[in-house]
Amino acid sequence: MGHQTALENQREMLEEMRRLEGWRWENWKEQYVEWNDHRKARVSDLFRRIDRSHTGNVPRDVFIDGILASKFPTSRLEMSKVADLFDKGDGLINSKEFIDALRFDRTRELKPLTDHEKVNEEILKQKNACSCCQQFKIEKVAEGHYRFGDTQIKRMVRILRSTVMVRVGGGWEALDEFLSKHDPCRAKGRLNIDMFYKDVAPSTAIDTMRAFTKGRRARANSSNTRQQLEHFCHLAETR
């Protein structure tokens, strides 16, 4: 079990290293700022909780653990890259420098988002909407391809008619509808018939529930079997 866990951890580490190839601070910053805006949270509040010395300088490990504990979708490996930008070699992260670096340059020309950026943005938004104790996994494995949950299936995700869609079988399904069937906190309370039957049932079909009763043929067969047993028993007694 321990060996299997070690192999799984190593696999996840390799996948995370591949994901972080070409990592850019600007991309991480935009995601983190958007995530805080969505939660109506302030970064200064984070530092008030973790800055126990009240000096404005927080140990590197405490800074990383604080971000991870906030449930922002990142990893320890990625947070090490963030910390490297602010650690001057003393193992400390200055809160003012970090908060200042998060501020956007309002004079910068805002470029329209590409389809891939729109997909990434919507994925992050939906991922943050998960309320499970252990957040539902949505892992980017390549541009336009994601894994959902614990499955190893890679699914194509695209923008179609201004809606983020997931490839399912031979068709497409809206991301929010797909997650409503697979993310446990969204699927809670839904029956299989609600999630999977609606699209294949005839429009005239009516679903009903009835108590099970034996049919006429079953009762007739049972009666014949009983008569045959009684006949054999009678023969055995007369011999």
C-alpha atoms as a PDB file:
ATOM      1  CA  MET A   1       0.000   0.000   0.000  1.00  0.00           C
ATOM      2  CA  GLY A   2       2.835   2.348   0.923  1.00  0.00           C
ATOM      3  CA  HIS A   3       4.696   1.548  -2.296  1.00  0.00           C
ATOM      4  CA  GLN A   4       1.538   2.151  -4.349  1.00  0.00           C
ATOM      5  CA  THR A   5       0.988   5.497  -2.612  1.00  0.00           C
ATOM      6  CA  ALA A   6       4.582   6.523  -3.294  1.00  0.00           C
ATOM      7  CA  LEU A   7       4.196   5.679  -6.983  1.00  0.00           C
ATOM      8  CA  GLU A   8       0.951   7.654  -7.160  1.00  0.00           C
ATOM      9  CA  ASN A   9       2.577  10.665  -5.496  1.00  0.00           C
ATOM     10  CA  GLN A  10       5.488  10.476  -7.922  1.00  0.00           C
ATOM     11  CA  ARG A  11       3.107  10.323 -10.879  1.00  0.00           C
ATOM     12  CA  GLU A  12       1.192  13.365  -9.626  1.00  0.00           C
ATOM     13  CA  MET A  13       4.472  15.234  -9.129  1.00  0.00           C
ATOM     14  CA  LEU A  14       5.569  14.509 -12.710  1.00  0.00           C
ATOM     15  CA  GLU A  15       2.199  15.643 -14.041  1.00  0.00           C
ATOM     16  CA  GLU A  16       2.427  18.844 -12.004  1.00  0.00           C
ATOM     17  CA  MET A  17       5.943  19.522 -13.308  1.00  0.00           C
ATOM     18  CA  ARG A  18       4.682  19.130 -16.878  1.00  0.00           C
ATOM     19  CA  ARG A  19       1.769  21.443 -16.148  1.00  0.00           C
ATOM     20  CA  LEU A  20       4.106  24.110 -14.810  1.00  0.00           C
ATOM     21  CA  GLU A  21       6.370  24.113 -17.843  1.00  0.00           C
ATOM     22  CA  GLY A  22       6.390  27.674 -19.154  1.00  0.00           C
ATOM     23  CA  TRP A  23       4.834  28.934 -15.901  1.00  0.00           C
ATOM     24  CA  ARG A  24       4.360  32.716 -15.790  1.00  0.00           C
ATOM     25  CA  TRP A  25       3.777  34.939 -12.783  1.00  0.00           C
ATOM     26  CA  GLU A  26       1.316  37.122 -14.719  1.00  0.00           C
ATOM     27  CA  ASN A  27      -0.998  34.177 -15.380  1.00  0.00           C
ATOM     28  CA  TRP A  28      -0.880  33.010 -11.774  1.00  0.00           C
ATOM     29  CA  LYS A  29      -1.483  36.553 -10.512  1.00  0.00           C
ATOM     30  CA  GLU A  30      -4.582  37.040 -12.663  1.00  0.00           C
ATOM     31  CA  GLN A  31      -6.043  33.735 -11.506  1.00  0.00           C
ATOM     32  CA  TYR A  32      -5.335  34.495  -7.852  1.00  0.00           C
ATOM     33  CA  VAL A  33      -6.786  38.022  -8.009  1.00  0.00           C
ATOM     34  CA  GLU A  34      -9.895  36.766  -9.821  1.00  0.00           C
ATOM     35  CA  TRP A  35     -10.321  33.971  -7.273  1.00  0.00           C
ATOM     36  CA  ASN A  36     -10.167  36.474  -4.393  1.00  0.00           C
ATOM     37  CA  ASP A  37     -12.600  38.811  -6.150  1.00  0.00           C
ATOM     38  CA  HIS A  38     -15.036  35.927  -6.638  1.00  0.00           C
ATOM     39  CA  ARG A  39     -14.873  35.107  -2.922  1.00  0.00           C
ATOM     40  CA  LYS A  40     -14.895  38.806  -1.971  1.00  0.00           C
ATOM     41  CA  ALA A  41     -11.731  38.134   0.036  1.00  0.00           C
ATOM     42  CA  ARG A  42      -8.745  40.413   0.686  1.00  0.00           C
ATOM     43  CA  VAL A  43      -5.131  39.311   0.565  1.00  0.00           C
ATOM     44  CA  SER A  44      -4.381  41.586   3.512  1.00  0.00           C
ATOM     45  CA  ASP A  45      -6.695  39.442   5.643  1.00  0.00           C
ATOM     46  CA  LEU A  46      -4.603  36.397   4.781  1.00  0.00           C
ATOM     47  CA  PHE A  47      -1.434  38.087   6.029  1.00  0.00           C
ATOM     48  CA  ARG A  48      -3.156  39.250   9.224  1.00  0.00           C
ATOM     49  CA  ARG A  49      -3.854  35.601  10.016  1.00  0.00           C
ATOM     50  CA  ILE A  50      -0.410  34.239   9.232  1.00  0.00           C
ATOM     51  CA  ASP A  51       1.818  37.193  10.273  1.00  0.00           C
ATOM     52  CA  ARG A  52       2.143  36.315  13.948  1.00  0.00           C
ATOM     53  CA  SER A  53       5.189  38.530  14.480  1.00  0.00           C
ATOM     54  CA  HIS A  54       3.272  41.567  13.114  1.00  0.00           C
ATOM     55  CA  THR A  55       6.365  42.710  11.230  1.00  0.00           C
ATOM     56  CA  GLY A  56       4.996  42.362   7.705  1.00  0.00           C
ATOM     57  CA  ASN A  57       7.462  39.531   7.042  1.00  0.00           C
ATOM     58  CA  VAL A  58       6.183  35.958   6.949  1.00  0.00           C
ATOM     59  CA  PRO A  59       8.309  32.772   6.812  1.00  0.00           C
ATOM     60  CA  ARG A  60       8.302  31.228   3.367  1.00  0.00           C
ATOM     61  CA  ASP A  61       6.724  27.931   4.494  1.00  0.00           C
ATOM     62  CA  VAL A  62       4.011  29.743   6.465  1.00  0.00           C
ATOM     63  CA  PHE A  63       3.191  31.838   3.381  1.00  0.00           C
ATOM     64  CA  ILE A  64       2.899  28.726   1.168  1.00  0.00           C
ATOM     65  CA  ASP A  65       0.806  26.838   3.740  1.00  0.00           C
ATOM     66  CA  GLY A  66      -1.471  29.882   4.133  1.00  0.00           C
ATOM     67  CA  ILE A  67      -2.259  30.022   0.406  1.00  0.00           C
ATOM     68  CA  LEU A  68      -2.829  26.248   0.254  1.00  0.00           C
ATOM     69  CA  ALA A  69      -5.112  26.367   3.308  1.00  0.00           C
ATOM     70  CA  SER A  70      -7.230  29.054   1.624  1.00  0.00           C
ATOM     71  CA  LYS A  71      -8.334  26.391  -0.938  1.00  0.00           C
ATOM     72  CA  PHE A  72      -6.993  28.376  -3.888  1.00  0.00           C
ATOM     73  CA  PRO A  73      -6.453  25.762  -6.638  1.00  0.00           C
ATOM     74  CA  THR A  74      -2.682  25.508  -6.721  1.00  0.00           C
ATOM     75  CA  SER A  75       0.036  23.132  -5.530  1.00  0.00           C
ATOM     76  CA  ARG A  76       3.022  23.276  -3.232  1.00  0.00           C
ATOM     77  CA  LEU A  77       5.302  23.057  -6.253  1.00  0.00           C
ATOM     78  CA  GLU A  78       3.624  26.028  -7.918  1.00  0.00           C
ATOM     79  CA  MET A  79       3.636  28.022  -4.682  1.00  0.00           C
ATOM     80  CA  SER A  80       7.383  27.434  -4.415  1.00  0.00           C
ATOM     81  CA  LYS A  81       7.729  29.244  -7.744  1.00  0.00           C
ATOM     82  CA  VAL A  82       5.671  32.143  -6.388  1.00  0.00           C
ATOM     83  CA  ALA A  83       7.697  32.281  -3.168  1.00  0.00           C
ATOM     84  CA  ASP A  84      10.970  32.289  -5.144  1.00  0.00           C
ATOM     85  CA  LEU A  85       9.966  35.655  -6.638  1.00  0.00           C
ATOM     86  CA  PHE A  86       9.695  37.314  -3.217  1.00  0.00           C
ATOM     87  CA  ASP A  87      12.193  35.390  -1.095  1.00  0.00           C
ATOM     88  CA  LYS A  88      15.383  37.486  -0.971  1.00  0.00           C
ATOM     89  CA  GLY A  89      17.348  34.590   0.418  1.00  0.00           C
ATOM     90  CA  ASP A  90      16.310  35.111   4.032  1.00  0.00           C
ATOM     91  CA  GLY A  91      13.338  32.745   3.838  1.00  0.00           C
ATOM     92  CA  LEU A  92      10.839  35.576   4.360  1.00  0.00           C
ATOM     93  CA  ILE A  93       8.008  36.964   2.238  1.00  0.00           C
ATOM     94  CA  ASN A  94       7.199  40.649   2.665  1.00  0.00           C
ATOM     95  CA  SER A  95       3.437  41.177   2.678  1.00  0.00           C
ATOM     96  CA  LYS A  96       3.608  44.690   1.190  1.00  0.00           C
ATOM     97  CA  GLU A  97       5.766  43.564  -1.727  1.00  0.00           C
ATOM     98  CA  PHE A  98       3.452  40.653  -2.457  1.00  0.00           C
ATOM     99  CA  ILE A  99       0.255  42.739  -2.291  1.00  0.00           C
ATOM    100  CA  ASP A 100       1.797  45.505  -4.429  1.00  0.00           C
ATOM    101  CA  ALA A 101       2.819  42.943  -7.043  1.00  0.00           C
ATOM    102  CA  LEU A 102      -0.781  41.724  -7.274  1.00  0.00           C
ATOM    103  CA  ARG A 103      -2.047  45.141  -8.320  1.00  0.00           C
ATOM    104  CA  PHE A 104      -2.803  45.406 -12.022  1.00  0.00           C
ATOM    105  CA  ASP A 105      -1.423  48.127 -14.219  1.00  0.00           C
ATOM    106  CA  ARG A 106      -4.652  49.954 -15.071  1.00  0.00           C
ATOM    107  CA  THR A 107      -2.937  51.757 -17.961  1.00  0.00           C
ATOM    108  CA  ARG A 108      -2.160  48.430 -19.630  1.00  0.00           C
ATOM    109  CA  GLU A 109      -4.258  47.775 -22.698  1.00  0.00           C
ATOM    110  CA  LEU A 110      -6.675  44.983 -22.028  1.00  0.00           C
ATOM    111  CA  LYS A 111      -6.483  42.383 -24.766  1.00  0.00           C
ATOM    112  CA  PRO A 112      -9.519  40.264 -25.570  1.00  0.00           C
ATOM    113  CA  LEU A 113      -9.312  36.760 -24.142  1.00  0.00           C
ATOM    114  CA  THR A 114      -8.574  33.892 -26.488  1.00  0.00           C
ATOM    115  CA  ASP A 115     -10.895  30.861 -26.518  1.00  0.00           C
ATOM    116  CA  HIS A 116      -8.357  28.878 -24.477  1.00  0.00           C
ATOM    117  CA  GLU A 117      -8.176  31.673 -21.887  1.00  0.00           C
ATOM    118  CA  LYS A 118     -11.969  31.799 -21.702  1.00  0.00           C
ATOM    119  CA  VAL A 119     -12.055  28.040 -21.114  1.00  0.00           C
ATOM    120  CA  ASN A 120      -9.402  28.298 -18.389  1.00  0.00           C
ATOM    121  CA  GLU A 121     -11.311  31.143 -16.759  1.00  0.00           C
ATOM    122  CA  GLU A 122     -14.601  29.224 -16.726  1.00  0.00           C
ATOM    123  CA  ILE A 123     -12.900  26.047 -15.478  1.00  0.00           C
ATOM    124  CA  LEU A 124     -11.398  27.991 -12.564  1.00  0.00           C
ATOM    125  CA  LYS A 125     -14.755  29.597 -11.788  1.00  0.00           C
ATOM    126  CA  GLN A 126     -16.572  26.247 -11.757  1.00  0.00           C
ATOM    127  CA  LYS A 127     -13.809  24.591  -9.767  1.00  0.00           C
ATOM    128  CA  ASN A 128     -14.051  27.273  -7.078  1.00  0.00           C
ATOM    129  CA  ALA A 129     -17.827  26.779  -6.920  1.00  0.00           C
ATOM    130  CA  CYS A 130     -17.308  23.218  -5.614  1.00  0.00           C
ATOM    131  CA  SER A 131     -18.288  22.940  -1.938  1.00  0.00           C
ATOM    132  CA  CYS A 132     -17.031  19.376  -1.337  1.00  0.00           C
ATOM    133  CA  CYS A 133     -14.715  18.798   1.633  1.00  0.00           C
ATOM    134  CA  GLN A 134     -12.195  17.472  -0.871  1.00  0.00           C
ATOM    135  CA  GLN A 135     -12.537  19.681  -3.925  1.00  0.00           C
ATOM    136  CA  PHE A 136     -13.637  17.938  -7.112  1.00  0.00           C
ATOM    137  CA  LYS A 137     -10.556  17.535  -9.307  1.00  0.00           C
ATOM    138  CA  ILE A 138     -10.370  19.326 -12.634  1.00  0.00           C
ATOM    139  CA  GLU A 139      -6.905  18.841 -14.056  1.00  0.00           C
ATOM    140  CA  LYS A 140      -5.557  20.420 -17.219  1.00  0.00           C
ATOM    141  CA  VAL A 141      -3.473  17.828 -19.073  1.00  0.00           C
ATOM    142  CA  ALA A 142      -2.971  19.734 -22.337  1.00  0.00           C
ATOM    143  CA  GLU A 143      -4.333  22.794 -24.087  1.00  0.00           C
ATOM    144  CA  GLY A 144      -8.070  22.186 -24.413  1.00  0.00           C
ATOM    145  CA  HIS A 145      -7.965  18.801 -22.633  1.00  0.00           C
ATOM    146  CA  TYR A 146      -8.910  18.143 -19.002  1.00  0.00           C
ATOM    147  CA  ARG A 147      -9.435  15.296 -16.550  1.00  0.00           C
ATOM    148  CA  PHE A 148     -12.467  15.441 -14.278  1.00  0.00           C
ATOM    149  CA  GLY A 149     -12.550  13.685 -10.906  1.00  0.00           C
ATOM    150  CA  ASP A 150     -10.493  10.545 -10.285  1.00  0.00           C
ATOM    151  CA  THR A 151     -10.948   9.136 -13.774  1.00  0.00           C
ATOM    152  CA  GLN A 152      -8.020   8.933 -16.198  1.00  0.00           C
ATOM    153  CA  ILE A 153     -10.251   9.860 -19.146  1.00  0.00           C
ATOM    154  CA  LYS A 154      -9.079  12.987 -20.961  1.00  0.00           C
ATOM    155  CA  ARG A 155     -11.938  15.114 -22.225  1.00  0.00           C
ATOM    156  CA  MET A 156     -11.849  17.826 -24.842  1.00  0.00           C
ATOM    157  CA  VAL A 157     -13.182  21.211 -23.685  1.00  0.00           C
ATOM    158  CA  ARG A 158     -14.049  23.942 -26.190  1.00  0.00           C
ATOM    159  CA  ILE A 159     -15.961  27.183 -26.641  1.00  0.00           C
ATOM    160  CA  LEU A 160     -19.016  26.542 -28.806  1.00  0.00           C
ATOM    161  CA  ARG A 161     -21.486  29.373 -29.402  1.00  0.00           C
ATOM    162  CA  SER A 162     -20.057  31.347 -26.470  1.00  0.00           C
ATOM    163  CA  THR A 163     -20.574  28.381 -24.101  1.00  0.00           C
ATOM    164  CA  VAL A 164     -17.849  26.194 -22.589  1.00  0.00           C
ATOM    165  CA  MET A 165     -18.644  22.646 -23.696  1.00  0.00           C
ATOM    166  CA  VAL A 166     -17.261  19.210 -22.738  1.00  0.00           C
ATOM    167  CA  ARG A 167     -16.917  16.384 -25.243  1.00  0.00           C
ATOM    168  CA  VAL A 168     -19.106  13.490 -24.093  1.00  0.00           C
ATOM    169  CA  GLY A 169     -19.306  10.412 -26.311  1.00  0.00           C
ATOM    170  CA  GLY A 170     -20.120  11.623 -29.799  1.00  0.00           C
ATOM    171  CA  GLY A 171     -21.561  14.968 -28.724  1.00  0.00           C
ATOM    172  CA  TRP A 172     -21.043  18.018 -26.518  1.00  0.00           C
ATOM    173  CA  GLU A 173     -22.439  19.005 -23.143  1.00  0.00           C
ATOM    174  CA  ALA A 174     -22.328  22.367 -21.357  1.00  0.00           C
ATOM    175  CA  LEU A 175     -19.672  22.413 -18.625  1.00  0.00           C
ATOM    176  CA  ASP A 176     -22.084  23.329 -15.827  1.00  0.00           C
ATOM    177  CA  GLU A 177     -24.487  20.532 -16.833  1.00  0.00           C
ATOM    178  CA  PHE A 178     -21.613  18.045 -17.044  1.00  0.00           C
ATOM    179  CA  LEU A 179     -20.427  19.009 -13.547  1.00  0.00           C
ATOM    180  CA  SER A 180     -23.974  18.751 -12.170  1.00  0.00           C
ATOM    181  CA  LYS A 181     -23.764  15.023 -12.956  1.00  0.00           C
ATOM    182  CA  HIS A 182     -20.198  14.313 -11.823  1.00  0.00           C
ATOM    183  CA  ASP A 183     -19.278  16.777  -9.054  1.00  0.00           C
ATOM    184  CA  PRO A 184     -20.663  15.126  -5.851  1.00  0.00           C
ATOM    185  CA  CYS A 185     -21.826  18.365  -4.207  1.00  0.00           C
ATOM    186  CA  ARG A 186     -23.820  19.339  -7.317  1.00  0.00           C
ATOM    187  CA  ALA A 187     -25.166  15.862  -8.093  1.00  0.00           C
ATOM    188  CA  LYS A 188     -26.343  15.353  -4.496  1.00  0.00           C
ATOM    189  CA  GLY A 189     -30.030  14.510  -4.352  1.00  0.00           C
ATOM    190  CA  ARG A 190     -30.340  13.828  -8.071  1.00  0.00           C
ATOM    191  CA  LEU A 191     -31.430  10.376  -9.193  1.00  0.00           C
ATOM    192  CA  ASN A 192     -29.910   8.453 -12.066  1.00  0.00           C
ATOM    193  CA  ILE A 193     -33.204   8.803 -13.877  1.00  0.00           C
ATOM    194  CA  ASP A 194     -32.921  12.593 -13.553  1.00  0.00           C
ATOM    195  CA  MET A 195     -29.319  12.722 -14.711  1.00  0.00           C
ATOM    196  CA  PHE A 196     -29.103  10.158 -17.483  1.00  0.00           C
ATOM    197  CA  TYR A 197     -32.585   9.050 -18.583  1.00  0.00           C
ATOM    198  CA  LYS A 198     -34.200  12.301 -19.696  1.00  0.00           C
ATOM    199  CA  ASP A 199     -32.458  12.555 -23.060  1.00  0.00           C
ATOM    200  CA  VAL A 200     -33.207   8.979 -24.151  1.00  0.00           C
ATOM    201  CA  ALA A 201     -36.742   8.463 -22.863  1.00  0.00           C
ATOM    202  CA  PRO A 202     -39.561   8.921 -25.440  1.00  0.00           C
ATOM    203  CA  SER A 203     -41.468  12.179 -25.025  1.00  0.00           C
ATOM    204  CA  THR A 204     -44.674  10.159 -24.437  1.00  0.00           C
ATOM    205  CA  ALA A 205     -43.154   7.883 -21.780  1.00  0.00           C
ATOM    206  CA  ILE A 206     -44.599   7.972 -18.269  1.00  0.00           C
ATOM    207  CA  ASP A 207     -42.563   6.706 -15.310  1.00  0.00           C
ATOM    208  CA  THR A 208     -44.530   4.981 -12.536  1.00  0.00           C
ATOM    209  CA  MET A 209     -43.665   2.804  -9.548  1.00  0.00           C
ATOM    210  CA  ARG A 210     -45.829  -0.199  -8.574  1.00  0.00           C
ATOM    211  CA  ALA A 211     -45.601  -3.024  -6.063  1.00  0.00           C
ATOM    212  CA  PHE A 212     -44.344  -6.298  -7.567  1.00  0.00           C
ATOM    213  CA  THR A 213     -47.004  -8.970  -8.060  1.00  0.00           C
ATOM    214  CA  LYS A 214     -46.853 -12.363  -9.709  1.00  0.00           C
ATOM    215  CA  GLY A 215     -48.418 -12.557 -13.141  1.00  0.00           C
ATOM    216  CA  ARG A 216     -51.085 -15.028 -14.215  1.00  0.00           C
ATOM    217  CA  ARG A 217     -48.524 -17.196 -16.007  1.00  0.00           C
ATOM    218  CA  ALA A 218     -46.234 -17.262 -12.944  1.00  0.00           C
ATOM    219  CA  ARG A 219     -49.155 -18.343 -10.725  1.00  0.00           C
ATOM    220  CA  ALA A 220     -50.176 -21.062 -13.227  1.00  0.00           C
ATOM    221  CA  ASN A 221     -46.607 -22.396 -13.421  1.00  0.00           C
ATOM    222  CA  SER A 222     -46.355 -22.440  -9.648  1.00  0.00           C
ATOM    223  CA  SER A 223     -49.623 -24.375  -9.388  1.00  0.00           C
ATOM    224  CA  ASN A 224     -48.492 -26.959 -11.985  1.00  0.00           C
ATOM    225  CA  THR A 225     -45.179 -27.456 -10.198  1.00  0.00           C
ATOM    226  CA  ARG A 226     -46.964 -28.029  -6.887  1.00  0.00           C
ATOM    227  CA  GLN A 227     -49.266 -30.620  -8.452  1.00  0.00           C
ATOM    228  CA  GLN A 228     -46.321 -32.474 -10.002  1.00  0.00           C
ATOM    229  CA  LEU A 229     -44.517 -32.626  -6.637  1.00  0.00           C
ATOM    230  CA  GLU A 230     -47.620 -33.967  -4.908  1.00  0.00           C
ATOM    231  CA  HIS A 231     -47.965 -36.635  -7.626  1.00  0.00           C
ATOM    232  CA  PHE A 232     -44.324 -37.781  -7.193  1.00  0.00           C
ATOM    233  CA  CYS A 233     -44.717 -37.901  -3.415  1.00  0.00           C
ATOM    234  CA  HIS A 234     -47.860 -40.041  -3.771  1.00  0.00           C
ATOM    235  CA  LEU A 235     -46.044 -42.482  -6.078  1.00  0.00           C
ATOM    236  CA  ALA A 236     -43.149 -42.791  -3.636  1.00  0.00           C
ATOM    237  CA  GLU A 237     -45.485 -43.608  -0.754  1.00  0.00           C
ATOM    238  CA  THR A 238     -47.336 -46.348  -2.665  1.00  0.00           C
ATOM    239  CA  ARG A 239     -44.162 -48.213  -3.602  1.00  0.00           C
END
